Amino acid sequence: MKLDSIVFDLDGTLWDSSSSVIDSWNETISNYNEVKNKLTVDDMKSVMGLVIQDIALKFFPYLEEENRLTIIKHCCKNECKHLEKHGAILYDQLEEILKYLDKKYKLFIVSNCQCGYIESFFKSHKLNKYFIDYENSGRTGLTKGENIKLIIERNNLINPVYVGDTDGDLKASRFAGIPFIYARYGFGEVKDFDYVIDSFEELLKLV
């Protein structure tokens, strides 16, 4: 595979933040009497990669849109503070592999997260030194595919590839017109892909 750059999804690709995030979210929603039940780790994994409007609808379909969005935004704000302090589970040998890849390729992150989330990943695990640029829907209001194209244009990339774990990541890659590497160890099930890896370490065999 001829590459000059690798663009990564975050959740389910570089780390698993579901347990850490769910602790923060349950603490936040306990302040809202209208929320009927606590959330589980499986709940959180089921919405990884979705934008906050869709997450709010899935978790709190019985609430009015304005109310559920207020709650979700409060959860997201507290979540970033929690992750910055406590971090989350990095996939095996993540930093060692990033360090190796950084010597050969330009590395980036594009995620459907809110502002502050990728920064929390960087601050908690001191990994920002491996990435040239990043983008998210919370900052731009764009789809993941549009944000991938933005990263490509902004950094003059010639032969990038996208690594992600969901069908949404596949669609974003297709929209951006670049190859898709399916991280099968993550949260989603994807039937169409250009390449597949069953651990982060297997990425080294492809590139």
N, C-alpha and C. Protein backbone atom coordinates (compact mmCIF):
# COMPACT_ATOMS: atom_id res chain seq x y z
N MET A 1 0.84 -1.19 0.00
CA MET A 1 0.00 0.00 0.00
C MET A 1 0.89 1.25 0.00
N LYS A 2 0.69 2.11 -0.99
CA LYS A 2 1.48 3.33 -1.08
C LYS A 2 0.78 4.45 -0.31
N LEU A 3 1.41 4.91 0.76
CA LEU A 3 0.79 5.91 1.64
C LEU A 3 1.74 7.06 1.92
N ASP A 4 1.15 8.21 2.18
CA ASP A 4 1.94 9.30 2.76
C ASP A 4 1.37 9.71 4.11
N SER A 5 0.17 9.18 4.45
CA SER A 5 -0.48 9.62 5.70
C SER A 5 -1.55 8.63 6.14
N ILE A 6 -1.83 8.64 7.44
CA ILE A 6 -2.87 7.79 8.03
C ILE A 6 -3.77 8.67 8.89
N VAL A 7 -5.07 8.59 8.61
CA VAL A 7 -6.07 9.33 9.40
C VAL A 7 -6.82 8.30 10.25
N PHE A 8 -6.88 8.53 11.56
CA PHE A 8 -7.49 7.59 12.48
C PHE A 8 -8.81 8.10 13.02
N ASP A 9 -9.75 7.19 13.18
CA ASP A 9 -10.88 7.38 14.08
C ASP A 9 -10.30 7.31 15.50
N LEU A 10 -11.09 7.65 16.51
CA LEU A 10 -10.57 7.61 17.88
C LEU A 10 -11.19 6.47 18.69
N ASP A 11 -12.49 6.55 18.98
CA ASP A 11 -13.15 5.52 19.79
C ASP A 11 -13.24 4.20 19.03
N GLY A 12 -12.78 3.12 19.67
CA GLY A 12 -12.82 1.82 19.04
C GLY A 12 -11.68 1.58 18.07
N THR A 13 -10.82 2.58 17.92
CA THR A 13 -9.68 2.46 17.02
C THR A 13 -8.36 2.70 17.75
N LEU A 14 -8.30 3.80 18.50
CA LEU A 14 -7.09 4.11 19.28
C LEU A 14 -7.28 3.80 20.76
N TRP A 15 -8.50 3.99 21.26
CA TRP A 15 -8.76 3.69 22.67
C TRP A 15 -10.20 3.26 22.87
N ASP A 16 -10.46 2.67 24.05
CA ASP A 16 -11.81 2.31 24.48
C ASP A 16 -12.10 3.13 25.73
N SER A 17 -12.89 4.18 25.54
CA SER A 17 -13.18 5.09 26.65
C SER A 17 -14.52 4.81 27.31
N SER A 18 -15.20 3.73 26.88
CA SER A 18 -16.59 3.50 27.29
C SER A 18 -16.77 3.41 28.80
N SER A 19 -15.90 2.69 29.49
CA SER A 19 -16.05 2.54 30.95
C SER A 19 -15.84 3.87 31.67
N SER A 20 -14.81 4.60 31.26
CA SER A 20 -14.51 5.88 31.89
C SER A 20 -15.62 6.90 31.61
N VAL A 21 -16.10 6.90 30.37
CA VAL A 21 -17.16 7.85 29.99
C VAL A 21 -18.46 7.55 30.72
N ILE A 22 -18.80 6.27 30.85
CA ILE A 22 -20.08 5.92 31.46
C ILE A 22 -20.10 6.32 32.94
N ASP A 23 -18.99 6.24 33.62
CA ASP A 23 -18.92 6.70 35.01
C ASP A 23 -19.23 8.19 35.09
N SER A 24 -18.65 8.94 34.18
CA SER A 24 -18.87 10.39 34.16
C SER A 24 -20.31 10.72 33.81
N TRP A 25 -20.86 10.05 32.79
CA TRP A 25 -22.23 10.34 32.35
C TRP A 25 -23.26 10.01 33.42
N ASN A 26 -23.10 8.88 34.09
CA ASN A 26 -24.06 8.51 35.12
C ASN A 26 -24.01 9.48 36.30
N GLU A 27 -22.84 10.00 36.59
CA GLU A 27 -22.72 11.00 37.64
C GLU A 27 -23.48 12.27 37.24
N THR A 28 -23.38 12.64 35.97
CA THR A 28 -24.05 13.84 35.47
C THR A 28 -25.56 13.67 35.43
N ILE A 29 -26.04 12.56 34.86
CA ILE A 29 -27.50 12.40 34.70
C ILE A 29 -28.21 12.17 36.02
N SER A 30 -27.45 11.85 37.06
CA SER A 30 -28.08 11.69 38.38
C SER A 30 -28.66 13.00 38.88
N ASN A 31 -28.26 14.12 38.25
CA ASN A 31 -28.77 15.44 38.61
C ASN A 31 -30.09 15.76 37.93
N TYR A 32 -30.56 14.88 37.04
CA TYR A 32 -31.78 15.11 36.27
C TYR A 32 -32.84 14.07 36.66
N ASN A 33 -33.87 14.52 37.37
CA ASN A 33 -34.91 13.60 37.83
C ASN A 33 -35.70 12.97 36.68
N GLU A 34 -35.74 13.64 35.53
CA GLU A 34 -36.51 13.14 34.40
C GLU A 34 -35.86 11.96 33.69
N VAL A 35 -34.57 11.71 33.96
CA VAL A 35 -33.89 10.56 33.37
C VAL A 35 -34.27 9.31 34.15
N LYS A 36 -34.75 8.30 33.44
CA LYS A 36 -35.37 7.14 34.09
C LYS A 36 -34.38 6.08 34.55
N ASN A 37 -33.23 5.97 33.91
CA ASN A 37 -32.33 4.88 34.29
C ASN A 37 -30.87 5.23 34.02
N LYS A 38 -30.00 4.50 34.69
CA LYS A 38 -28.57 4.67 34.46
C LYS A 38 -28.18 4.04 33.14
N LEU A 39 -27.05 4.48 32.62
CA LEU A 39 -26.53 3.94 31.37
C LEU A 39 -25.49 2.87 31.66
N THR A 40 -25.32 1.95 30.72
CA THR A 40 -24.35 0.86 30.87
C THR A 40 -23.22 1.02 29.87
N VAL A 41 -22.17 0.25 30.05
CA VAL A 41 -21.05 0.27 29.12
C VAL A 41 -21.51 -0.16 27.73
N ASP A 42 -22.40 -1.15 27.67
CA ASP A 42 -22.93 -1.60 26.38
C ASP A 42 -23.71 -0.48 25.70
N ASP A 43 -24.44 0.30 26.49
CA ASP A 43 -25.14 1.47 25.92
C ASP A 43 -24.14 2.41 25.26
N MET A 44 -23.06 2.67 25.96
CA MET A 44 -22.07 3.60 25.44
C MET A 44 -21.39 3.07 24.19
N LYS A 45 -21.05 1.78 24.18
CA LYS A 45 -20.40 1.19 23.01
C LYS A 45 -21.32 1.24 21.79
N SER A 46 -22.62 1.16 22.04
CA SER A 46 -23.58 1.12 20.92
C SER A 46 -23.70 2.45 20.20
N VAL A 47 -23.22 3.54 20.82
CA VAL A 47 -23.35 4.86 20.20
C VAL A 47 -22.01 5.47 19.81
N MET A 48 -20.93 4.73 19.99
CA MET A 48 -19.63 5.24 19.61
C MET A 48 -19.62 5.58 18.12
N GLY A 49 -19.19 6.77 17.80
CA GLY A 49 -19.13 7.20 16.41
C GLY A 49 -20.31 8.03 15.97
N LEU A 50 -21.38 8.07 16.79
CA LEU A 50 -22.55 8.87 16.45
C LEU A 50 -22.36 10.32 16.91
N VAL A 51 -23.06 11.24 16.26
CA VAL A 51 -23.04 12.64 16.70
C VAL A 51 -23.98 12.78 17.89
N ILE A 52 -23.84 13.88 18.66
CA ILE A 52 -24.54 13.99 19.93
C ILE A 52 -26.06 14.02 19.78
N GLN A 53 -26.55 14.56 18.67
CA GLN A 53 -28.01 14.60 18.47
C GLN A 53 -28.58 13.18 18.40
N ASP A 54 -27.88 12.29 17.71
CA ASP A 54 -28.34 10.90 17.59
C ASP A 54 -28.16 10.14 18.89
N ILE A 55 -27.11 10.45 19.62
CA ILE A 55 -26.90 9.81 20.93
C ILE A 55 -28.01 10.21 21.90
N ALA A 56 -28.34 11.49 21.90
CA ALA A 56 -29.40 12.00 22.79
C ALA A 56 -30.73 11.31 22.49
N LEU A 57 -31.03 11.15 21.22
CA LEU A 57 -32.29 10.51 20.83
C LEU A 57 -32.32 9.05 21.23
N LYS A 58 -31.20 8.35 21.09
CA LYS A 58 -31.16 6.93 21.43
C LYS A 58 -31.24 6.70 22.94
N PHE A 59 -30.58 7.55 23.73
CA PHE A 59 -30.57 7.36 25.17
C PHE A 59 -31.83 7.88 25.86
N PHE A 60 -32.35 8.99 25.35
CA PHE A 60 -33.49 9.63 26.02
C PHE A 60 -34.62 9.94 25.03
N PRO A 61 -35.15 8.93 24.36
CA PRO A 61 -36.20 9.16 23.34
C PRO A 61 -37.51 9.69 23.93
N TYR A 62 -37.68 9.51 25.24
CA TYR A 62 -38.91 9.91 25.91
C TYR A 62 -38.90 11.38 26.34
N LEU A 63 -37.76 12.07 26.11
CA LEU A 63 -37.66 13.47 26.49
C LEU A 63 -37.80 14.38 25.26
N GLU A 64 -38.22 15.60 25.49
CA GLU A 64 -38.27 16.58 24.42
C GLU A 64 -36.86 16.86 23.90
N GLU A 65 -36.75 17.18 22.62
CA GLU A 65 -35.44 17.33 22.00
C GLU A 65 -34.56 18.35 22.73
N GLU A 66 -35.09 19.48 23.08
CA GLU A 66 -34.30 20.51 23.74
C GLU A 66 -33.76 20.02 25.09
N ASN A 67 -34.61 19.30 25.82
CA ASN A 67 -34.21 18.79 27.13
C ASN A 67 -33.12 17.74 27.02
N ARG A 68 -33.32 16.79 26.11
CA ARG A 68 -32.32 15.72 25.99
C ARG A 68 -30.98 16.25 25.48
N LEU A 69 -31.02 17.28 24.62
CA LEU A 69 -29.77 17.86 24.14
C LEU A 69 -29.05 18.61 25.24
N THR A 70 -29.80 19.27 26.11
CA THR A 70 -29.20 19.96 27.26
C THR A 70 -28.47 18.96 28.15
N ILE A 71 -29.10 17.82 28.39
CA ILE A 71 -28.50 16.79 29.24
C ILE A 71 -27.24 16.22 28.58
N ILE A 72 -27.34 15.91 27.30
CA ILE A 72 -26.20 15.33 26.58
C ILE A 72 -25.01 16.29 26.57
N LYS A 73 -25.28 17.57 26.34
CA LYS A 73 -24.20 18.55 26.31
C LYS A 73 -23.53 18.68 27.68
N HIS A 74 -24.34 18.58 28.74
CA HIS A 74 -23.79 18.61 30.10
C HIS A 74 -22.91 17.38 30.32
N CYS A 75 -23.38 16.22 29.85
CA CYS A 75 -22.61 14.99 29.96
C CYS A 75 -21.27 15.11 29.23
N CYS A 76 -21.31 15.65 28.02
CA CYS A 76 -20.10 15.78 27.21
C CYS A 76 -19.09 16.73 27.85
N LYS A 77 -19.59 17.81 28.42
CA LYS A 77 -18.71 18.78 29.06
C LYS A 77 -17.98 18.14 30.24
N ASN A 78 -18.71 17.41 31.08
CA ASN A 78 -18.10 16.76 32.23
C ASN A 78 -17.20 15.60 31.82
N GLU A 79 -17.59 14.93 30.74
CA GLU A 79 -16.83 13.78 30.25
C GLU A 79 -15.40 14.18 29.87
N CYS A 80 -15.25 15.30 29.20
CA CYS A 80 -13.92 15.74 28.78
C CYS A 80 -13.02 16.01 29.98
N LYS A 81 -13.58 16.63 31.01
CA LYS A 81 -12.81 16.88 32.23
C LYS A 81 -12.39 15.57 32.88
N HIS A 82 -13.32 14.61 32.90
CA HIS A 82 -13.06 13.30 33.51
C HIS A 82 -11.96 12.56 32.73
N LEU A 83 -12.08 12.55 31.41
CA LEU A 83 -11.10 11.83 30.59
C LEU A 83 -9.73 12.49 30.65
N GLU A 84 -9.70 13.80 30.70
CA GLU A 84 -8.42 14.49 30.79
C GLU A 84 -7.69 14.11 32.07
N LYS A 85 -8.44 13.90 33.14
CA LYS A 85 -7.84 13.56 34.43
C LYS A 85 -7.52 12.07 34.55
N HIS A 86 -8.46 11.21 34.10
CA HIS A 86 -8.34 9.77 34.34
C HIS A 86 -7.92 8.96 33.12
N GLY A 87 -8.06 9.53 31.93
CA GLY A 87 -7.71 8.78 30.73
C GLY A 87 -8.68 7.63 30.47
N ALA A 88 -8.26 6.71 29.60
CA ALA A 88 -9.09 5.55 29.26
C ALA A 88 -8.17 4.43 28.82
N ILE A 89 -8.76 3.35 28.29
CA ILE A 89 -7.99 2.17 27.93
C ILE A 89 -7.42 2.33 26.52
N LEU A 90 -6.11 2.40 26.42
CA LEU A 90 -5.45 2.44 25.12
C LEU A 90 -5.31 1.01 24.59
N TYR A 91 -5.44 0.84 23.29
CA TYR A 91 -5.24 -0.49 22.73
C TYR A 91 -3.77 -0.88 22.83
N ASP A 92 -3.51 -2.19 22.85
CA ASP A 92 -2.18 -2.73 23.12
C ASP A 92 -1.10 -2.12 22.22
N GLN A 93 -0.02 -1.72 22.87
CA GLN A 93 1.18 -1.20 22.20
C GLN A 93 0.90 0.06 21.37
N LEU A 94 -0.14 0.78 21.74
CA LEU A 94 -0.55 1.93 20.93
C LEU A 94 0.58 2.94 20.75
N GLU A 95 1.18 3.39 21.84
CA GLU A 95 2.18 4.44 21.70
C GLU A 95 3.42 3.94 20.96
N GLU A 96 3.84 2.72 21.21
CA GLU A 96 5.01 2.20 20.51
C GLU A 96 4.78 2.18 19.00
N ILE A 97 3.56 1.79 18.61
CA ILE A 97 3.24 1.69 17.19
C ILE A 97 3.11 3.08 16.57
N LEU A 98 2.46 4.00 17.29
CA LEU A 98 2.36 5.37 16.80
C LEU A 98 3.75 5.99 16.63
N LYS A 99 4.62 5.70 17.55
CA LYS A 99 5.99 6.24 17.47
C LYS A 99 6.68 5.74 16.21
N TYR A 100 6.48 4.48 15.88
CA TYR A 100 7.06 3.91 14.67
C TYR A 100 6.43 4.51 13.42
N LEU A 101 5.09 4.58 13.41
CA LEU A 101 4.38 5.12 12.24
C LEU A 101 4.72 6.58 12.00
N ASP A 102 4.93 7.32 13.08
CA ASP A 102 5.22 8.75 12.99
C ASP A 102 6.51 9.03 12.23
N LYS A 103 7.41 8.05 12.20
CA LYS A 103 8.67 8.22 11.48
C LYS A 103 8.51 8.07 9.97
N LYS A 104 7.40 7.43 9.56
CA LYS A 104 7.21 7.13 8.14
C LYS A 104 6.05 7.89 7.50
N TYR A 105 5.05 8.25 8.32
CA TYR A 105 3.82 8.83 7.78
C TYR A 105 3.37 10.04 8.60
N LYS A 106 2.57 10.87 7.97
CA LYS A 106 1.88 11.93 8.69
C LYS A 106 0.63 11.34 9.32
N LEU A 107 0.41 11.61 10.62
CA LEU A 107 -0.70 11.00 11.35
C LEU A 107 -1.73 12.06 11.76
N PHE A 108 -3.02 11.66 11.68
CA PHE A 108 -4.12 12.57 11.96
C PHE A 108 -5.25 11.82 12.67
N ILE A 109 -6.18 12.59 13.27
CA ILE A 109 -7.39 12.03 13.86
C ILE A 109 -8.59 12.80 13.34
N VAL A 110 -9.63 12.06 12.93
CA VAL A 110 -10.93 12.65 12.61
C VAL A 110 -11.99 11.83 13.33
N SER A 111 -12.77 12.50 14.18
CA SER A 111 -13.77 11.81 14.99
C SER A 111 -15.08 12.59 15.00
N ASN A 112 -16.17 11.89 15.25
CA ASN A 112 -17.48 12.54 15.37
C ASN A 112 -17.74 13.01 16.79
N CYS A 113 -16.74 13.49 17.46
CA CYS A 113 -16.88 13.86 18.87
C CYS A 113 -17.10 15.35 19.04
N GLN A 114 -17.31 15.75 20.29
CA GLN A 114 -17.47 17.16 20.60
C GLN A 114 -16.11 17.82 20.79
N CYS A 115 -16.10 19.14 20.79
CA CYS A 115 -14.87 19.88 21.06
C CYS A 115 -14.33 19.50 22.44
N GLY A 116 -13.05 19.30 22.53
CA GLY A 116 -12.42 18.99 23.81
C GLY A 116 -12.14 17.51 24.00
N TYR A 117 -12.81 16.65 23.24
CA TYR A 117 -12.66 15.20 23.44
C TYR A 117 -11.31 14.68 22.97
N ILE A 118 -10.94 15.05 21.75
CA ILE A 118 -9.63 14.63 21.24
C ILE A 118 -8.52 15.25 22.09
N GLU A 119 -8.73 16.49 22.51
CA GLU A 119 -7.75 17.14 23.38
C GLU A 119 -7.58 16.39 24.71
N SER A 120 -8.67 15.81 25.21
CA SER A 120 -8.60 15.01 26.44
C SER A 120 -7.77 13.75 26.23
N PHE A 121 -7.94 13.14 25.07
CA PHE A 121 -7.13 11.98 24.70
C PHE A 121 -5.65 12.35 24.68
N PHE A 122 -5.35 13.49 24.07
CA PHE A 122 -3.97 13.95 24.01
C PHE A 122 -3.40 14.24 25.39
N LYS A 123 -4.14 15.00 26.20
CA LYS A 123 -3.63 15.45 27.50
C LYS A 123 -3.47 14.30 28.49
N SER A 124 -4.42 13.38 28.49
CA SER A 124 -4.37 12.30 29.49
C SER A 124 -3.26 11.31 29.20
N HIS A 125 -2.91 11.11 27.94
CA HIS A 125 -1.92 10.09 27.59
C HIS A 125 -0.68 10.66 26.89
N LYS A 126 -0.61 11.99 26.78
CA LYS A 126 0.57 12.67 26.22
C LYS A 126 0.91 12.14 24.80
N LEU A 127 -0.11 12.05 23.95
CA LEU A 127 0.08 11.48 22.62
C LEU A 127 -0.01 12.50 21.49
N ASN A 128 -0.22 13.77 21.83
CA ASN A 128 -0.37 14.79 20.80
C ASN A 128 0.87 14.94 19.92
N LYS A 129 2.03 14.56 20.42
CA LYS A 129 3.28 14.72 19.67
C LYS A 129 3.34 13.86 18.42
N TYR A 130 2.47 12.86 18.33
CA TYR A 130 2.48 11.98 17.16
C TYR A 130 1.53 12.43 16.05
N PHE A 131 0.70 13.42 16.32
CA PHE A 131 -0.33 13.82 15.36
C PHE A 131 -0.12 15.26 14.89
N ILE A 132 -0.19 15.42 13.59
CA ILE A 132 0.02 16.74 12.98
C ILE A 132 -1.22 17.61 13.11
N ASP A 133 -2.39 17.00 12.94
CA ASP A 133 -3.64 17.78 12.89
C ASP A 133 -4.79 16.85 13.28
N TYR A 134 -5.93 17.43 13.60
CA TYR A 134 -7.11 16.64 13.95
C TYR A 134 -8.36 17.48 13.69
N GLU A 135 -9.49 16.78 13.58
CA GLU A 135 -10.75 17.51 13.37
C GLU A 135 -11.90 16.70 13.93
N ASN A 136 -13.00 17.41 14.24
CA ASN A 136 -14.19 16.75 14.79
C ASN A 136 -15.44 17.51 14.41
N SER A 137 -16.56 16.82 14.45
CA SER A 137 -17.83 17.42 14.05
C SER A 137 -18.27 18.51 15.01
N GLY A 138 -17.87 18.39 16.28
CA GLY A 138 -18.25 19.40 17.26
C GLY A 138 -17.67 20.77 16.93
N ARG A 139 -16.51 20.79 16.32
CA ARG A 139 -15.87 22.06 15.99
C ARG A 139 -16.32 22.61 14.64
N THR A 140 -16.51 21.72 13.66
CA THR A 140 -16.81 22.19 12.31
C THR A 140 -18.29 22.14 11.95
N GLY A 141 -19.05 21.24 12.62
CA GLY A 141 -20.44 21.03 12.24
C GLY A 141 -20.59 20.21 10.97
N LEU A 142 -19.49 19.62 10.51
CA LEU A 142 -19.48 18.84 9.28
C LEU A 142 -19.57 17.35 9.58
N THR A 143 -19.88 16.56 8.55
CA THR A 143 -19.88 15.11 8.70
C THR A 143 -18.45 14.61 8.79
N LYS A 144 -18.29 13.35 9.18
CA LYS A 144 -16.94 12.79 9.28
C LYS A 144 -16.27 12.77 7.92
N GLY A 145 -17.01 12.40 6.88
CA GLY A 145 -16.43 12.39 5.54
C GLY A 145 -15.95 13.77 5.12
N GLU A 146 -16.75 14.79 5.42
CA GLU A 146 -16.35 16.16 5.10
C GLU A 146 -15.13 16.58 5.89
N ASN A 147 -15.05 16.14 7.14
CA ASN A 147 -13.89 16.48 7.96
C ASN A 147 -12.62 15.77 7.50
N ILE A 148 -12.77 14.55 7.00
CA ILE A 148 -11.62 13.85 6.42
C ILE A 148 -11.10 14.62 5.21
N LYS A 149 -12.03 15.05 4.36
CA LYS A 149 -11.63 15.84 3.18
C LYS A 149 -10.98 17.15 3.60
N LEU A 150 -11.47 17.74 4.69
CA LEU A 150 -10.89 18.98 5.20
C LEU A 150 -9.44 18.76 5.63
N ILE A 151 -9.19 17.67 6.34
CA ILE A 151 -7.84 17.33 6.77
C ILE A 151 -6.93 17.09 5.56
N ILE A 152 -7.45 16.39 4.57
CA ILE A 152 -6.67 16.11 3.36
C ILE A 152 -6.28 17.41 2.66
N GLU A 153 -7.25 18.30 2.50
CA GLU A 153 -7.00 19.56 1.80
C GLU A 153 -6.08 20.48 2.62
N ARG A 154 -6.33 20.53 3.92
CA ARG A 154 -5.58 21.44 4.79
C ARG A 154 -4.10 21.06 4.87
N ASN A 155 -3.83 19.75 4.74
CA ASN A 155 -2.47 19.27 4.91
C ASN A 155 -1.83 18.75 3.61
N ASN A 156 -2.53 19.01 2.49
CA ASN A 156 -2.00 18.65 1.17
C ASN A 156 -1.60 17.17 1.08
N LEU A 157 -2.48 16.29 1.56
CA LEU A 157 -2.20 14.86 1.56
C LEU A 157 -2.44 14.28 0.16
N ILE A 158 -1.59 13.36 -0.24
CA ILE A 158 -1.67 12.76 -1.57
C ILE A 158 -2.25 11.35 -1.52
N ASN A 159 -1.74 10.52 -0.61
CA ASN A 159 -2.18 9.13 -0.52
C ASN A 159 -2.54 8.75 0.92
N PRO A 160 -3.62 9.31 1.45
CA PRO A 160 -4.03 8.98 2.81
C PRO A 160 -4.89 7.71 2.86
N VAL A 161 -5.01 7.16 4.05
CA VAL A 161 -5.91 6.05 4.31
C VAL A 161 -6.63 6.35 5.62
N TYR A 162 -7.87 5.84 5.78
CA TYR A 162 -8.60 6.06 7.03
C TYR A 162 -8.74 4.74 7.78
N VAL A 163 -8.49 4.77 9.08
CA VAL A 163 -8.61 3.59 9.93
C VAL A 163 -9.75 3.82 10.91
N GLY A 164 -10.76 2.95 10.88
CA GLY A 164 -11.91 3.09 11.76
C GLY A 164 -12.60 1.76 12.00
N ASP A 165 -13.64 1.79 12.83
CA ASP A 165 -14.24 0.52 13.26
C ASP A 165 -15.74 0.41 13.02
N THR A 166 -16.37 1.38 12.37
CA THR A 166 -17.81 1.34 12.19
C THR A 166 -18.20 1.53 10.72
N ASP A 167 -19.46 1.22 10.44
CA ASP A 167 -19.98 1.42 9.09
C ASP A 167 -19.96 2.90 8.72
N GLY A 168 -20.15 3.75 9.74
CA GLY A 168 -20.05 5.19 9.50
C GLY A 168 -18.67 5.60 9.06
N ASP A 169 -17.65 4.93 9.59
CA ASP A 169 -16.27 5.21 9.17
C ASP A 169 -16.05 4.78 7.72
N LEU A 170 -16.62 3.64 7.37
CA LEU A 170 -16.55 3.18 5.97
C LEU A 170 -17.17 4.21 5.04
N LYS A 171 -18.38 4.66 5.37
CA LYS A 171 -19.08 5.63 4.52
C LYS A 171 -18.30 6.94 4.42
N ALA A 172 -17.69 7.35 5.54
CA ALA A 172 -16.89 8.58 5.53
C ALA A 172 -15.68 8.43 4.62
N SER A 173 -15.04 7.28 4.66
CA SER A 173 -13.89 7.03 3.79
C SER A 173 -14.29 7.05 2.33
N ARG A 174 -15.42 6.41 2.03
CA ARG A 174 -15.90 6.39 0.66
C ARG A 174 -16.24 7.81 0.18
N PHE A 175 -16.85 8.59 1.06
CA PHE A 175 -17.18 9.98 0.72
C PHE A 175 -15.91 10.77 0.40
N ALA A 176 -14.87 10.53 1.20
CA ALA A 176 -13.61 11.25 1.02
C ALA A 176 -12.78 10.68 -0.13
N GLY A 177 -13.17 9.50 -0.63
CA GLY A 177 -12.46 8.90 -1.76
C GLY A 177 -11.12 8.30 -1.41
N ILE A 178 -11.00 7.77 -0.17
CA ILE A 178 -9.73 7.18 0.24
C ILE A 178 -9.97 5.76 0.74
N PRO A 179 -8.92 4.89 0.76
CA PRO A 179 -9.07 3.52 1.23
C PRO A 179 -9.47 3.47 2.70
N PHE A 180 -10.16 2.38 3.06
CA PHE A 180 -10.63 2.19 4.44
C PHE A 180 -10.03 0.93 5.03
N ILE A 181 -9.39 1.08 6.19
CA ILE A 181 -8.90 -0.05 6.96
C ILE A 181 -9.85 -0.28 8.13
N TYR A 182 -10.47 -1.45 8.15
CA TYR A 182 -11.46 -1.78 9.18
C TYR A 182 -10.76 -2.33 10.42
N ALA A 183 -10.89 -1.64 11.55
CA ALA A 183 -10.37 -2.09 12.83
C ALA A 183 -11.41 -3.02 13.46
N ARG A 184 -11.32 -4.29 13.15
CA ARG A 184 -12.34 -5.26 13.55
C ARG A 184 -12.37 -5.49 15.06
N TYR A 185 -11.32 -5.09 15.75
CA TYR A 185 -11.27 -5.24 17.20
C TYR A 185 -12.11 -4.19 17.93
N GLY A 186 -12.64 -3.21 17.19
CA GLY A 186 -13.39 -2.11 17.79
C GLY A 186 -14.83 -2.44 18.07
N PHE A 187 -15.72 -1.45 17.93
CA PHE A 187 -17.10 -1.59 18.38
C PHE A 187 -18.08 -1.99 17.29
N GLY A 188 -17.77 -1.73 16.05
CA GLY A 188 -18.75 -1.90 14.99
C GLY A 188 -18.58 -3.16 14.16
N GLU A 189 -19.58 -3.43 13.32
CA GLU A 189 -19.51 -4.53 12.37
C GLU A 189 -19.60 -3.94 10.96
N VAL A 190 -18.57 -4.19 10.18
CA VAL A 190 -18.47 -3.62 8.84
C VAL A 190 -18.26 -4.75 7.84
N LYS A 191 -19.06 -4.77 6.81
CA LYS A 191 -18.99 -5.86 5.83
C LYS A 191 -18.13 -5.51 4.62
N ASP A 192 -17.98 -4.24 4.34
CA ASP A 192 -17.21 -3.81 3.16
C ASP A 192 -16.01 -3.01 3.63
N PHE A 193 -14.84 -3.34 3.14
CA PHE A 193 -13.62 -2.63 3.53
C PHE A 193 -12.54 -2.94 2.51
N ASP A 194 -11.48 -2.16 2.53
CA ASP A 194 -10.35 -2.40 1.65
C ASP A 194 -9.30 -3.29 2.32
N TYR A 195 -9.14 -3.09 3.62
CA TYR A 195 -8.21 -3.89 4.41
C TYR A 195 -8.82 -4.07 5.79
N VAL A 196 -8.36 -5.08 6.53
CA VAL A 196 -8.89 -5.33 7.86
C VAL A 196 -7.75 -5.69 8.81
N ILE A 197 -7.86 -5.22 10.05
CA ILE A 197 -6.90 -5.59 11.10
C ILE A 197 -7.68 -6.05 12.33
N ASP A 198 -7.13 -7.04 13.03
CA ASP A 198 -7.77 -7.57 14.23
C ASP A 198 -7.08 -7.12 15.51
N SER A 199 -6.07 -6.31 15.38
CA SER A 199 -5.42 -5.66 16.52
C SER A 199 -4.71 -4.44 15.97
N PHE A 200 -4.43 -3.48 16.81
CA PHE A 200 -3.75 -2.27 16.34
C PHE A 200 -2.37 -2.61 15.79
N GLU A 201 -1.74 -3.60 16.39
CA GLU A 201 -0.39 -4.00 15.97
C GLU A 201 -0.39 -4.50 14.52
N GLU A 202 -1.50 -5.11 14.07
CA GLU A 202 -1.55 -5.63 12.70
C GLU A 202 -1.46 -4.53 11.65
N LEU A 203 -1.66 -3.31 12.06
CA LEU A 203 -1.52 -2.19 11.12
C LEU A 203 -0.12 -2.15 10.52
N LEU A 204 0.86 -2.58 11.29
CA LEU A 204 2.25 -2.57 10.83
C LEU A 204 2.47 -3.51 9.64
N LYS A 205 1.67 -4.57 9.55
CA LYS A 205 1.80 -5.52 8.45
C LYS A 205 1.27 -4.95 7.14
N LEU A 206 0.36 -3.97 7.26
CA LEU A 206 -0.23 -3.38 6.07
C LEU A 206 0.58 -2.23 5.52
N VAL A 207 1.21 -1.47 6.41
CA VAL A 207 1.88 -0.25 5.98
C VAL A 207 3.39 -0.36 6.07
